[in-house]
Protein backbone atom coordinates (compact mmCIF):
# COMPACT_ATOMS: atom_id res chain seq x y z
CA UNK A 1 22.12 19.26 47.26
CA UNK A 2 19.26 20.25 44.98
CA UNK A 3 15.97 20.13 46.79
CA UNK A 4 13.22 17.77 45.63
CA UNK A 5 10.95 20.79 45.04
CA UNK A 6 13.53 22.45 42.76
CA UNK A 7 14.13 19.20 40.89
CA UNK A 8 10.41 18.72 40.26
CA UNK A 9 9.99 22.31 39.15
CA UNK A 10 12.72 21.75 36.56
CA UNK A 11 11.77 18.29 35.30
CA UNK A 12 7.96 18.46 35.28
CA UNK A 13 7.63 21.08 32.51
CA UNK A 14 9.92 19.00 30.31
CA UNK A 15 7.86 15.85 30.91
CA UNK A 16 4.63 17.71 30.20
CA UNK A 17 5.98 19.14 26.96
CA UNK A 18 7.17 15.71 25.84
CA UNK A 19 3.82 14.11 26.62
CA UNK A 20 2.08 16.80 24.56
CA UNK A 21 4.14 15.97 21.46
CA UNK A 22 2.47 13.63 18.95
CA UNK A 23 3.88 10.13 19.01
CA UNK A 24 6.05 9.50 15.96
CA UNK A 25 4.70 6.78 13.72
CA UNK A 26 6.83 3.77 12.93
CA UNK A 27 8.41 3.63 9.48
CA UNK A 28 6.02 1.75 7.21
CA UNK A 29 7.35 -1.40 5.61
CA UNK A 30 6.15 -1.23 2.03
CA UNK A 31 6.59 -3.59 -0.90
CA UNK A 32 6.26 -2.55 -4.55
CA UNK A 33 6.23 -4.98 -7.44
CA UNK A 34 8.98 -3.39 -9.55
CA UNK A 35 11.52 -0.58 -9.44
CA UNK A 36 9.59 2.13 -11.30
CA UNK A 37 6.62 1.84 -8.95
CA UNK A 38 8.90 1.51 -5.92
CA UNK A 39 10.57 4.82 -6.71
CA UNK A 40 7.25 6.66 -7.02
CA UNK A 41 6.15 5.18 -3.68
CA UNK A 42 9.40 6.48 -2.14
CA UNK A 43 8.75 9.95 -3.54
CA UNK A 44 5.33 10.05 -1.86
CA UNK A 45 6.27 8.24 1.33
CA UNK A 46 9.56 10.02 1.95
CA UNK A 47 11.24 9.29 5.27
CA UNK A 48 8.13 7.58 6.63
CA UNK A 49 8.41 4.49 4.43
CA UNK A 50 10.93 1.76 3.78
CA UNK A 51 10.23 0.43 0.29
CA UNK A 52 11.34 -2.95 -1.05
CA UNK A 53 11.06 -3.64 -4.77
CA UNK A 54 10.43 -7.28 -5.63
CA UNK A 55 11.84 -7.01 -9.15
CA UNK A 56 15.31 -5.48 -8.95
CA UNK A 57 17.10 -2.93 -11.16
CA UNK A 58 17.26 -3.91 -14.84
CA UNK A 59 14.78 -6.73 -14.13
CA UNK A 60 11.84 -7.77 -16.32
CA UNK A 61 8.49 -7.62 -14.44
CA UNK A 62 6.87 -9.89 -17.03
CA UNK A 63 9.22 -12.84 -16.55
CA UNK A 64 10.06 -12.36 -12.86
CA UNK A 65 10.41 -15.49 -10.73
CA UNK A 66 9.89 -14.72 -7.00
CA UNK A 67 12.29 -16.17 -4.45
CA UNK A 68 11.76 -17.21 -0.80
CA UNK A 69 13.31 -13.87 0.19
CA UNK A 70 10.60 -12.09 -1.80
CA UNK A 71 7.92 -14.08 0.02
CA UNK A 72 9.47 -13.06 3.34
CA UNK A 73 9.52 -9.37 2.34
CA UNK A 74 5.89 -9.51 1.26
CA UNK A 75 4.78 -11.23 4.45
CA UNK A 76 6.36 -8.45 6.54
CA UNK A 77 4.85 -5.59 4.52
CA UNK A 78 2.21 -3.27 5.93
CA UNK A 79 1.25 -2.05 2.44
CA UNK A 80 1.90 -3.63 -0.95
CA UNK A 81 1.62 -1.89 -4.32
CA UNK A 82 1.24 -3.37 -7.79
CA UNK A 83 0.72 -1.53 -11.04
CA UNK A 84 -1.96 -3.95 -12.21
CA UNK A 85 -3.54 -4.34 -15.66
CA UNK A 86 -2.00 -7.81 -16.00
CA UNK A 87 1.64 -6.79 -15.51
CA UNK A 88 2.37 -8.88 -12.41
CA UNK A 89 1.04 -12.29 -13.42
CA UNK A 90 3.17 -13.90 -10.74
CA UNK A 91 1.80 -11.90 -7.79
CA UNK A 92 -1.10 -14.19 -6.85
CA UNK A 93 1.27 -17.15 -6.54
CA UNK A 94 3.64 -15.11 -4.40
CA UNK A 95 0.83 -13.95 -2.10
CA UNK A 96 -0.29 -17.54 -1.64
CA UNK A 97 3.24 -18.77 -0.92
CA UNK A 98 4.07 -15.92 1.46
CA UNK A 99 1.00 -16.04 3.65
CA UNK A 100 0.46 -12.32 3.13
CA UNK A 101 -2.98 -11.41 4.51
CA UNK A 102 -3.45 -8.00 2.91
CA UNK A 103 -4.70 -7.01 -0.53
CA UNK A 104 -2.27 -5.24 -2.86
CA UNK A 105 -3.11 -1.66 -3.78
CA UNK A 106 -3.55 -1.36 -7.55
CA UNK A 107 -1.74 1.87 -8.35
CA UNK A 108 -3.11 2.09 -11.90
CA UNK A 109 -6.77 2.11 -10.86
CA UNK A 110 -8.50 5.05 -12.56
CA UNK A 111 -6.05 5.45 -15.45
CA UNK A 112 -7.46 5.84 -18.95
CA UNK A 113 -5.98 2.62 -20.32
CA UNK A 114 -5.48 1.63 -23.94
CA UNK A 115 -6.20 -1.74 -25.51
CA UNK A 116 -4.52 -3.57 -28.35
CA UNK A 117 -4.79 -6.78 -30.33
CA UNK A 118 -2.37 -9.55 -29.45
CA UNK A 119 -2.55 -13.16 -30.67
CA UNK A 120 -6.17 -12.63 -31.71
CA UNK A 121 -7.18 -11.23 -28.30
CA UNK A 122 -7.93 -7.74 -27.08
CA UNK A 123 -5.63 -6.99 -24.15
CA UNK A 124 -5.00 -3.99 -21.90
CA UNK A 125 -1.60 -2.37 -22.23
CA UNK A 126 -0.06 -2.45 -18.71
CA UNK A 127 2.83 -0.04 -19.38
CA UNK A 128 1.01 2.99 -18.00
CA UNK A 129 4.05 4.61 -16.36
CA UNK A 130 5.60 5.59 -19.69
CA UNK A 131 3.38 8.67 -19.51
CA UNK A 132 3.86 10.98 -16.51
CA UNK A 133 0.21 11.98 -16.92
CA UNK A 134 -0.68 8.44 -15.85
CA UNK A 135 1.86 8.46 -13.02
CA UNK A 136 -0.07 11.35 -11.46
CA UNK A 137 -2.91 8.84 -10.95
CA UNK A 138 -0.39 6.50 -9.32
CA UNK A 139 0.63 9.29 -6.95
CA UNK A 140 -2.96 9.99 -5.87
CA UNK A 141 -3.61 6.29 -5.22
CA UNK A 142 -0.33 5.87 -3.33
CA UNK A 143 -1.00 8.90 -1.12
CA UNK A 144 -4.45 7.58 -0.25
CA UNK A 145 -3.16 4.12 0.65
CA UNK A 146 -0.22 5.36 2.73
CA UNK A 147 -2.42 7.84 4.61
CA UNK A 148 -4.89 5.06 5.44
CA UNK A 149 -2.07 2.88 6.78
CA UNK A 150 -0.35 5.72 8.67
CA UNK A 151 -2.79 8.55 9.47
CA UNK A 152 -0.25 10.30 11.71
CA UNK A 153 1.91 11.11 8.69
CA UNK A 154 -0.91 11.90 6.26
CA UNK A 155 0.06 15.57 6.03
CA UNK A 156 3.59 14.64 4.97
CA UNK A 157 2.30 12.23 2.34
CA UNK A 158 0.00 14.93 0.99
CA UNK A 159 2.81 17.48 0.75
CA UNK A 160 5.13 14.98 -0.94
CA UNK A 161 2.41 13.96 -3.40
CA UNK A 162 1.71 17.58 -4.34
CA UNK A 163 5.40 18.32 -4.86
CA UNK A 164 5.96 15.21 -6.96
CA UNK A 165 2.87 15.90 -9.07
CA UNK A 166 4.47 19.22 -10.03
CA UNK A 167 7.59 17.29 -11.05
CA UNK A 168 5.46 15.05 -13.26
CA UNK A 169 3.84 18.09 -14.89
CA UNK A 170 7.34 19.38 -15.64
CA UNK A 171 8.32 16.05 -17.21
CA UNK A 172 5.22 16.13 -19.40
CA UNK A 173 5.98 19.68 -20.54
CA UNK A 174 9.62 18.73 -21.21
CA UNK A 175 8.61 15.83 -23.47
CA UNK A 176 6.16 17.97 -25.42
CA UNK A 177 8.81 20.63 -26.00
CA UNK A 178 11.36 18.07 -27.24
CA UNK A 179 9.03 16.45 -29.78
CA UNK A 180 7.37 19.66 -30.96
CA UNK A 181 10.32 20.46 -33.23
CA UNK A 182 10.33 17.06 -34.97
CA UNK A 183 8.17 16.58 -38.09
CA UNK A 184 5.26 14.18 -37.46
CA UNK A 185 6.43 11.88 -40.27
CA UNK A 186 9.76 11.34 -38.50
CA UNK A 187 8.34 10.46 -35.10
CA UNK A 188 8.76 6.70 -35.54
CA UNK A 189 11.21 4.26 -33.99
CA UNK A 190 11.70 0.51 -33.60
CA UNK A 191 11.84 -1.03 -30.09
CA UNK A 192 12.11 -4.53 -28.63
CA UNK A 193 8.47 -4.91 -27.55
CA UNK A 194 5.29 -2.87 -27.50
CA UNK A 195 5.80 -1.01 -24.22
CA UNK A 196 5.58 2.63 -25.35
CA UNK A 197 1.92 2.84 -26.28
CA UNK A 198 1.05 5.45 -23.65
CA UNK A 199 4.17 7.45 -24.47
CA UNK A 200 3.19 7.36 -28.14
CA UNK A 201 -0.40 8.34 -27.41
CA UNK A 202 0.69 11.31 -25.31
CA UNK A 203 3.39 12.70 -27.59
CA UNK A 204 2.31 11.51 -31.04
CA UNK A 205 5.25 9.14 -31.49
CA UNK A 206 4.98 5.86 -33.41
CA UNK A 207 6.64 2.76 -31.97
CA UNK A 208 7.04 -0.43 -33.99
CA UNK A 209 8.04 -3.67 -32.23
CA UNK A 210 8.47 -7.37 -33.09
CA UNK A 211 6.94 -8.43 -29.76
CA UNK A 212 3.63 -7.48 -28.15
CA UNK A 213 2.88 -6.07 -24.70
CA UNK A 214 4.73 -8.88 -22.91
CA UNK A 215 8.31 -10.03 -23.38
CA UNK A 216 6.97 -13.55 -22.79
CA UNK A 217 5.21 -13.50 -26.17
CA UNK A 218 6.86 -14.84 -29.32
CA UNK A 219 6.88 -13.29 -32.77
CA UNK A 220 6.09 -15.57 -35.73
CA UNK A 221 8.15 -15.48 -38.90
CA UNK A 222 5.16 -13.99 -40.72
CA UNK A 223 4.82 -11.22 -38.11
CA UNK A 224 8.51 -10.37 -38.36
CA UNK A 225 8.36 -10.29 -42.17
CA UNK A 226 5.33 -7.99 -42.03
CA UNK A 227 7.12 -5.70 -39.57
CA UNK A 228 10.19 -5.51 -41.82
CA UNK A 229 7.99 -4.48 -44.75
CA UNK A 230 6.28 -1.82 -42.61
CA UNK A 231 9.60 -0.39 -41.40
CA UNK A 232 10.85 -0.10 -44.96
CA UNK A 233 7.59 1.43 -46.21
CA UNK A 234 7.45 3.98 -43.38
CA UNK A 235 11.20 4.74 -43.55
CA UNK A 236 11.88 4.05 -39.88
CA UNK A 237 15.53 4.95 -39.41
CA UNK A 238 16.34 4.10 -35.77
CA UNK A 239 15.98 1.13 -33.44
CA UNK A 240 16.38 0.89 -29.66
CA UNK A 241 16.94 -2.07 -27.37
CA UNK A 242 15.77 -2.23 -23.76
CA UNK A 243 17.68 -2.65 -20.53
CA UNK A 244 15.42 -5.39 -19.14
CA UNK A 245 15.05 -7.88 -22.00
CA UNK A 246 16.76 -9.72 -24.86
CA UNK A 247 17.77 -7.47 -27.76
CA UNK A 248 18.61 -10.14 -30.35
CA UNK A 249 15.30 -10.09 -32.24
CA UNK A 250 15.09 -6.31 -32.59
CA UNK A 251 18.70 -6.27 -33.82
CA UNK A 252 17.85 -8.90 -36.45
CA UNK A 253 14.92 -6.82 -37.66
CA UNK A 254 17.07 -3.70 -37.72
CA UNK A 255 19.74 -5.46 -39.75
CA UNK A 256 17.16 -6.52 -42.33
CA UNK A 257 15.83 -2.97 -42.67
CA UNK A 258 18.97 -0.90 -42.34
CA UNK A 259 17.75 0.87 -39.18
CA UNK A 260 20.58 2.39 -37.16
CA UNK A 261 21.03 1.83 -33.40
CA UNK A 262 19.77 4.65 -31.19
CA UNK A 263 20.94 3.15 -27.90
CA UNK A 264 19.31 1.64 -24.84
CA UNK A 265 15.97 2.65 -23.35
CA UNK A 266 14.72 2.08 -19.81
CA UNK A 267 11.19 0.87 -20.29
CA UNK A 268 10.06 -1.41 -17.46
CA UNK A 269 12.91 -1.10 -15.01
CA UNK A 270 15.20 1.51 -13.54
CA UNK A 271 18.95 1.19 -13.75
CA UNK A 272 21.06 0.61 -10.67
CA UNK A 273 22.28 3.64 -8.72
CA UNK A 274 25.31 4.11 -10.99
CA UNK A 275 23.30 3.93 -14.22
CA UNK A 276 21.58 6.75 -16.15
CA UNK A 277 18.08 6.01 -14.86
CA UNK A 278 18.06 5.30 -11.10
CA UNK A 279 14.74 7.16 -10.56
CA UNK A 280 11.54 7.55 -12.54
CA UNK A 281 12.32 11.21 -13.22
CA UNK A 282 15.78 10.48 -14.63
CA UNK A 283 14.44 7.46 -16.54
CA UNK A 284 11.74 9.45 -18.31
CA UNK A 285 14.04 12.34 -19.20
CA UNK A 286 16.69 9.92 -20.43
CA UNK A 287 14.22 8.11 -22.72
CA UNK A 288 12.84 11.39 -24.08
CA UNK A 289 16.35 12.63 -24.81
CA UNK A 290 17.41 9.39 -26.52
CA UNK A 291 14.31 9.11 -28.68
CA UNK A 292 14.09 12.79 -29.67
CA UNK A 293 17.82 12.94 -30.48
CA UNK A 294 17.56 9.90 -32.77
CA UNK A 295 14.53 11.38 -34.55
CA UNK A 296 16.19 14.75 -34.97
CA UNK A 297 19.25 13.06 -36.46
CA UNK A 298 17.19 11.05 -38.93
CA UNK A 299 15.30 14.20 -39.93
């Protein structure tokens, strides 16, 4: 029989070493408004977060209609992220219905936003993520919020944020290299709605669209006629439709102008896991490749 003294001499050092180890933090329950933002939160949070996206893959964040399940997910969240700048017009109603007591973190705070005219009003373009330069601001804001909610894992969030920022720098450099070989006069395409303003600003690409910043807006016959004239005058050769909204109008405009289809772009939503754009990184590269290939062909 092992003596009590021997047993204590064996077990006590183990207990002491265990008590000296830092307590592991619980996995943070996090909600993000739509898939693009949710993926970036996952990249920063890593294994320490469980992220739920309210808008699902291929979903439209402009026209989203929250469900009771969404209200339940929000109510259980420790941290909630929205992009902001008017994108999630439905969020206030969802917060009220869910009983969520926190305040959503606005990931786009600090971004150099662009404005545009729509229906006689000056509005802020909410599609900031279509430039990886802007997403670096997202990453900094996400790291700060996660570290405040879970200080024990702050070092991990910092390391993840630094690594992902390097990835974003690589995406930016990749886009610049792809468009550098295309003549400036050929850097124009037609898309479903005006969601590529930041992309265009960053890489000197012109995007024409029958709809404004929101897919909820409607194009008048006069606006469509004016757009058709512009496309003809500027010799725009390619049109794209988007994975998250109706493509009928852009196809009608393309038919009237002779623009050829360039394929599908992922603008406001990731694809599902089996699609070509299940993460922000793959989404951005895919869009760059599609757009640059169509321009090179038309050149």
